[in-house]
Amino acid sequence: MIPSRRLKYEAMTERERRQALADFLRTRRARLQPGDVGLPARSRQRTPGLRREDVAELAHIGVSWYTLLEQGHDVHPSRQVLHSLASALKLTPVEEQHLLLLAGQESVVSPASEGEVVTPALRRVVDALDPHPAFVIGRRWDALAWNGAAQFLFHFDEPCPPHSRNVVWRFFQREGVREMDAAWEAQAQNLIAQFRADYARYPDDATFQDIVEDLRRVSPQFHVWWERQDVRGLPDGPRTMRHPALGLLHFDHVTFQASVTPELRVKVYVANAETATRLAEALDRSEPS
C-alpha cells in the first residue's frame, strides 16, 4: 500500500541525468561478452560482460575518460563519440536514441503547458473501431479516451489509485491483469522498456518520476526490471488474452501516432475474425435495452 501522505518528486536534475547515463552504459556493457564483439574469451573473469577497457578500445576513446563518463562525472561526450559508443556496445536504434537523450545530444520535450486534448475527430475514430479494442494514451501513458471494446477488456473506468488512468500502473496493480494476459511477464518487461524510453524524453515532467517511484515501491518486479535500464520502441505484434467469460482472445497489436497532436498515440488491438465476433456479441449484450 502507498502511504496516505505520498511523496512528490521533482523533475530530473542534471546530476540525475548524468547518473542515468552512467547506469545505462554500465548495464549495456554488462550484457555483452567478449565473443560478442570479436574479442577473445577470458578465463576467471571477475565481473560479467565487457571491461571498461574493452569498450574504450572498441570506441577509440581513452579508458580514463570513459571511466569518468560511466561514473557519472560532469563530462560532455560529442555526438561522434556517442555514436562510437553505440557501435561498440551494439545498441539498437532505440537504445542509441536513448543514449543521445541522456547525454544531452538530442532535444528533450518540455511538459506541455496545457492539458492533453483528444479531439472530437480522434474520439470518433476510436469509437468506430469497435469491436476492436482501441484507446488513446498521452505522453505519460495515461489513457485519455477508449472505445467500448477497450472498456470491456481493460475496465478503464474502474478506480486504481493513485494513478487510475495510467496504463503502466494499471498493468502492475489492477486485480486480474496477470491472469488475463497470457504472457504477462514478457509484456510487463516490454512495457517498462517502452515507458523508460518515453521517460527520458521528458526529464522536466515530475509526474513521470512520481509514477516510477510509486511503482518501484509497491512492485518488486517493476523495481528489478526498471533497474535493468532496458529501452525499446513500440513494436507491433500478436497478443493473446484470456478473458474469464470469452476465453482466449487473439489480436494484432499496433500503435499509431496522432498527426495533429504527436504526443498522443492510439493503441489498437486488431481482433481476428473469431475474437471480433465474440467481442461484438459481448458488446451487444452489454448495451442497455
Protein backbone atom coordinates (compact mmCIF):
# COMPACT_ATOMS: atom_id res chain seq x y z
CA MET A 1 0.00 0.00 0.00
CA ILE A 2 1.14 3.55 -0.73
CA PRO A 3 1.16 5.76 2.38
CA SER A 4 -1.66 8.32 2.56
CA ARG A 5 0.94 11.07 2.67
CA ARG A 6 2.62 10.46 -0.64
CA LEU A 7 5.95 11.94 -1.65
CA LYS A 8 6.08 14.28 -4.62
CA TYR A 9 9.11 14.04 -6.84
CA GLU A 10 10.82 16.82 -8.74
CA ALA A 11 11.91 16.81 -12.36
CA MET A 12 15.19 15.09 -13.23
CA THR A 13 18.24 17.14 -12.21
CA GLU A 14 21.46 17.41 -14.19
CA ARG A 15 23.20 15.14 -11.69
CA GLU A 16 20.42 12.55 -12.01
CA ARG A 17 20.67 12.73 -15.80
CA ARG A 18 24.41 12.02 -15.65
CA GLN A 19 23.78 9.11 -13.27
CA ALA A 20 21.11 7.74 -15.60
CA LEU A 21 23.63 7.90 -18.46
CA ALA A 22 26.24 6.12 -16.32
CA ASP A 23 23.79 3.38 -15.31
CA PHE A 24 22.70 2.87 -18.90
CA LEU A 25 26.27 2.50 -20.16
CA ARG A 26 27.17 0.12 -17.35
CA THR A 27 24.20 -2.17 -17.93
CA ARG A 28 24.77 -2.22 -21.70
CA ARG A 29 28.42 -3.16 -21.12
CA ALA A 30 27.50 -5.92 -18.67
CA ARG A 31 25.21 -7.69 -21.12
CA LEU A 32 27.94 -8.23 -23.74
CA GLN A 33 30.54 -10.98 -23.69
CA PRO A 34 33.99 -10.60 -25.33
CA GLY A 35 32.99 -13.03 -28.07
CA ASP A 36 30.03 -10.81 -28.97
CA VAL A 37 32.39 -8.06 -30.12
CA GLY A 38 35.17 -10.18 -31.59
CA LEU A 39 37.44 -10.24 -28.54
CA PRO A 40 38.99 -13.45 -27.18
CA ALA A 41 37.27 -15.07 -24.22
CA ARG A 42 38.89 -14.54 -20.83
CA SER A 43 39.17 -17.13 -18.07
CA ARG A 44 38.45 -16.24 -14.45
CA GLN A 45 36.72 -13.00 -15.33
CA ARG A 46 35.63 -11.32 -12.11
CA THR A 47 32.80 -9.23 -13.50
CA PRO A 48 30.19 -10.12 -16.13
CA GLY A 49 30.33 -8.61 -19.58
CA LEU A 50 32.96 -6.40 -21.15
CA ARG A 51 35.56 -4.43 -19.22
CA ARG A 52 35.70 -0.66 -19.46
CA GLU A 53 39.00 -1.08 -21.27
CA ASP A 54 37.25 -3.18 -23.91
CA VAL A 55 34.58 -0.55 -24.53
CA ALA A 56 37.12 2.27 -24.69
CA GLU A 57 39.23 0.32 -27.19
CA LEU A 58 36.26 -0.56 -29.38
CA ALA A 59 35.01 3.05 -29.34
CA HIS A 60 38.50 4.51 -29.88
CA ILE A 61 38.39 6.69 -26.77
CA GLY A 62 40.52 6.92 -23.64
CA VAL A 63 39.88 4.49 -20.79
CA SER A 64 40.14 7.19 -18.10
CA TRP A 65 37.69 9.42 -19.95
CA TYR A 66 35.22 6.60 -20.44
CA THR A 67 35.53 5.67 -16.75
CA LEU A 68 34.60 9.22 -15.76
CA LEU A 69 31.58 9.04 -18.04
CA GLU A 70 30.44 5.72 -16.57
CA GLN A 71 30.91 7.05 -13.04
CA GLY A 72 28.55 9.96 -13.66
CA HIS A 73 31.15 12.76 -13.72
CA ASP A 74 30.48 16.05 -15.47
CA VAL A 75 31.94 15.20 -18.87
CA HIS A 76 30.34 16.05 -22.19
CA PRO A 77 30.76 13.47 -24.97
CA SER A 78 30.33 14.67 -28.52
CA ARG A 79 27.73 13.18 -30.85
CA GLN A 80 30.52 11.39 -32.74
CA VAL A 81 31.82 9.78 -29.54
CA LEU A 82 28.30 8.69 -28.60
CA HIS A 83 27.82 7.07 -32.00
CA SER A 84 31.12 5.24 -31.47
CA LEU A 85 29.97 4.03 -28.05
CA ALA A 86 26.65 2.91 -29.52
CA SER A 87 28.50 0.88 -32.12
CA ALA A 88 30.90 -0.60 -29.56
CA LEU A 89 28.03 -1.58 -27.25
CA LYS A 90 25.89 -2.89 -30.13
CA LEU A 91 22.96 -0.66 -29.23
CA THR A 92 19.70 -0.90 -31.11
CA PRO A 93 18.45 2.29 -32.85
CA VAL A 94 16.06 2.93 -29.93
CA GLU A 95 18.88 2.44 -27.41
CA GLU A 96 21.16 4.78 -29.38
CA GLN A 97 18.45 7.45 -29.38
CA HIS A 98 18.11 6.95 -25.61
CA LEU A 99 21.88 7.34 -25.20
CA LEU A 100 21.81 10.63 -27.12
CA LEU A 101 18.94 11.91 -24.97
CA LEU A 102 20.70 11.06 -21.70
CA ALA A 103 23.92 12.67 -22.94
CA GLY A 104 22.17 15.91 -23.86
CA GLN A 105 22.81 15.49 -27.59
CA GLU A 106 19.15 15.16 -28.53
CA SER A 107 16.35 17.60 -27.83
CA VAL A 108 14.13 16.67 -24.93
CA VAL A 109 10.49 17.70 -24.73
CA SER A 110 9.21 20.11 -22.10
CA PRO A 111 5.89 19.31 -20.42
CA ALA A 112 3.00 20.90 -22.26
CA SER A 113 1.63 23.99 -20.57
CA GLU A 114 -1.93 22.88 -21.31
CA GLY A 115 -3.68 19.57 -20.80
CA GLU A 116 -3.62 16.79 -23.37
CA VAL A 117 -6.72 17.06 -25.52
CA VAL A 118 -8.31 14.30 -27.57
CA THR A 119 -10.10 15.97 -30.47
CA PRO A 120 -13.71 15.01 -31.29
CA ALA A 121 -12.50 13.60 -34.61
CA LEU A 122 -10.00 11.30 -32.90
CA ARG A 123 -12.68 10.16 -30.45
CA ARG A 124 -14.96 9.27 -33.36
CA VAL A 125 -12.18 7.25 -34.98
CA VAL A 126 -11.53 5.32 -31.77
CA ASP A 127 -15.25 4.64 -31.27
CA ALA A 128 -15.62 3.48 -34.88
CA LEU A 129 -13.00 0.77 -34.35
CA ASP A 130 -15.37 -1.33 -32.19
CA PRO A 131 -15.32 -4.32 -31.72
CA HIS A 132 -11.54 -3.95 -31.99
CA PRO A 133 -10.29 -2.52 -28.66
CA ALA A 134 -8.67 0.89 -29.11
CA PHE A 135 -7.61 3.66 -26.75
CA VAL A 136 -5.59 6.88 -26.74
CA ILE A 137 -2.61 7.40 -24.41
CA GLY A 138 -0.78 10.62 -23.56
CA ARG A 139 2.92 11.24 -23.08
CA ARG A 140 2.88 9.69 -19.57
CA TRP A 141 0.85 6.68 -20.76
CA ASP A 142 -2.42 7.88 -19.25
CA ALA A 143 -5.50 6.51 -21.01
CA LEU A 144 -7.36 9.56 -22.30
CA ALA A 145 -10.12 8.01 -24.43
CA TRP A 146 -11.24 4.49 -25.32
CA ASN A 147 -13.97 2.63 -27.15
CA GLY A 148 -16.49 0.10 -25.86
CA ALA A 149 -14.32 -2.94 -26.61
CA ALA A 150 -11.35 -1.44 -24.73
CA GLN A 151 -13.60 -0.67 -21.78
CA PHE A 152 -14.94 -4.24 -21.85
CA LEU A 153 -11.40 -5.68 -21.71
CA PHE A 154 -9.45 -3.17 -19.63
CA HIS A 155 -12.11 -1.51 -17.40
CA PHE A 156 -10.51 1.93 -17.63
CA ASP A 157 -13.37 3.50 -15.64
CA GLU A 158 -12.62 1.33 -12.59
CA PRO A 159 -10.52 3.15 -9.95
CA CYS A 160 -6.93 2.00 -9.40
CA PRO A 161 -5.48 4.77 -7.21
CA PRO A 162 -3.38 6.78 -7.12
CA HIS A 163 -2.71 6.61 -10.89
CA SER A 164 -6.03 5.21 -12.06
CA ARG A 165 -5.68 6.22 -15.70
CA ASN A 166 -2.03 5.23 -16.13
CA VAL A 167 -1.67 2.15 -18.34
CA VAL A 168 1.65 1.05 -16.81
CA TRP A 169 0.40 1.45 -13.24
CA ARG A 170 -2.78 -0.49 -14.04
CA PHE A 171 -0.82 -3.29 -15.73
CA PHE A 172 1.07 -3.91 -12.49
CA GLN A 173 -1.59 -3.04 -9.92
CA ARG A 174 -5.07 -3.79 -11.21
CA GLU A 175 -6.52 -7.06 -10.00
CA GLY A 176 -6.88 -9.76 -12.62
CA VAL A 177 -4.40 -8.39 -15.19
CA ARG A 178 -1.82 -11.14 -14.63
CA GLU A 179 -4.40 -13.86 -15.12
CA MET A 180 -5.78 -12.20 -18.25
CA ASP A 181 -2.54 -11.67 -20.17
CA ALA A 182 -1.20 -14.98 -21.48
CA ALA A 183 2.38 -13.67 -21.43
CA TRP A 184 2.20 -11.16 -18.58
CA GLU A 185 5.87 -11.25 -17.57
CA ALA A 186 7.20 -10.71 -21.09
CA GLN A 187 4.64 -7.98 -21.76
CA ALA A 188 5.46 -6.29 -18.45
CA GLN A 189 9.17 -6.11 -19.29
CA ASN A 190 8.40 -4.75 -22.76
CA LEU A 191 6.07 -2.17 -21.26
CA ILE A 192 8.73 -0.98 -18.80
CA ALA A 193 11.32 -0.67 -21.56
CA GLN A 194 8.92 1.36 -23.71
CA PHE A 195 7.94 3.54 -20.76
CA ARG A 196 11.60 4.22 -19.90
CA ALA A 197 12.26 5.38 -23.47
CA ASP A 198 9.46 7.96 -23.14
CA TYR A 199 10.55 8.86 -19.59
CA ALA A 200 13.92 10.05 -20.94
CA ARG A 201 12.20 12.34 -23.45
CA TYR A 202 10.51 14.36 -20.70
CA PRO A 203 13.10 14.97 -17.95
CA ASP A 204 11.27 18.12 -16.81
CA ASP A 205 8.00 16.26 -16.18
CA ALA A 206 7.96 15.42 -12.46
CA THR A 207 4.81 13.32 -12.85
CA PHE A 208 6.84 10.67 -14.65
CA GLN A 209 9.11 10.39 -11.62
CA ASP A 210 6.07 10.23 -9.35
CA ILE A 211 4.67 7.22 -11.22
CA VAL A 212 8.02 5.45 -11.41
CA GLU A 213 8.81 5.85 -7.71
CA ASP A 214 5.35 4.65 -6.68
CA LEU A 215 5.73 1.56 -8.87
CA ARG A 216 9.21 0.86 -7.54
CA ARG A 217 7.83 0.97 -4.02
CA VAL A 218 4.79 -1.27 -4.49
CA SER A 219 6.06 -3.74 -7.10
CA PRO A 220 9.32 -5.66 -6.52
CA GLN A 221 9.18 -6.93 -10.10
CA PHE A 222 8.89 -3.43 -11.53
CA HIS A 223 11.81 -2.33 -9.34
CA VAL A 224 14.07 -5.14 -10.61
CA TRP A 225 13.14 -4.71 -14.27
CA TRP A 226 13.40 -0.90 -14.14
CA GLU A 227 16.97 -1.18 -12.85
CA ARG A 228 17.95 -3.13 -15.97
CA GLN A 229 17.84 0.15 -17.94
CA ASP A 230 16.25 -1.55 -20.97
CA VAL A 231 14.68 0.70 -23.59
CA ARG A 232 12.55 -0.31 -26.58
CA GLY A 233 10.27 1.26 -29.11
CA LEU A 234 6.59 0.46 -29.57
CA PRO A 235 6.63 -2.81 -31.51
CA ASP A 236 3.65 -4.26 -33.33
CA GLY A 237 2.86 -7.90 -32.86
CA PRO A 238 0.42 -10.60 -31.80
CA ARG A 239 -1.20 -10.57 -28.37
CA THR A 240 -3.26 -13.26 -26.69
CA MET A 241 -5.55 -12.57 -23.75
CA ARG A 242 -7.54 -14.92 -21.56
CA HIS A 243 -10.92 -13.38 -20.71
CA PRO A 244 -12.87 -15.00 -17.83
CA ALA A 245 -16.11 -15.07 -19.86
CA LEU A 246 -14.96 -15.15 -23.50
CA GLY A 247 -11.93 -17.46 -23.26
CA LEU A 248 -8.80 -16.94 -25.36
CA LEU A 249 -8.83 -13.80 -27.49
CA HIS A 250 -6.30 -13.20 -30.28
CA PHE A 251 -5.15 -9.81 -31.56
CA ASP A 252 -2.55 -8.00 -33.61
CA HIS A 253 -1.40 -5.03 -31.54
CA VAL A 254 -0.41 -1.82 -33.35
CA THR A 255 0.28 1.77 -32.22
CA PHE A 256 -0.35 4.91 -34.27
CA GLN A 257 0.80 8.47 -33.61
CA ALA A 258 -1.85 11.17 -33.80
CA SER A 259 -0.93 13.60 -36.59
CA VAL A 260 -2.42 16.74 -35.03
CA THR A 261 -1.06 16.08 -31.53
CA PRO A 262 2.08 13.89 -31.88
CA GLU A 263 2.32 13.33 -28.11
CA LEU A 264 -0.89 11.31 -28.30
CA ARG A 265 -0.84 7.73 -29.56
CA VAL A 266 -3.62 5.34 -30.48
CA LYS A 267 -3.20 1.73 -29.42
CA VAL A 268 -5.34 -0.72 -31.37
CA TYR A 269 -5.86 -4.43 -30.75
CA VAL A 270 -6.99 -5.78 -34.12
CA ALA A 271 -9.02 -8.90 -33.36
CA ASN A 272 -9.08 -11.94 -35.60
CA ALA A 273 -12.48 -12.93 -37.01
CA GLU A 274 -13.48 -15.25 -34.16
CA THR A 275 -12.38 -12.82 -31.44
CA ALA A 276 -14.12 -9.90 -33.18
CA THR A 277 -17.36 -11.87 -33.29
CA ARG A 278 -17.18 -12.74 -29.59
CA LEU A 279 -16.43 -9.14 -28.63
CA ALA A 280 -19.23 -7.78 -30.84
CA GLU A 281 -21.72 -10.16 -29.24
CA ALA A 282 -20.49 -9.26 -25.74
CA LEU A 283 -20.83 -5.54 -26.51
CA ASP A 284 -24.37 -6.08 -27.84
CA ARG A 285 -25.33 -7.92 -24.63
CA SER A 286 -23.91 -5.10 -22.51
CA GLU A 287 -25.90 -2.40 -24.30
CA PRO A 288 -28.87 -1.14 -22.26
CA SER A 289 -32.15 -2.36 -23.71
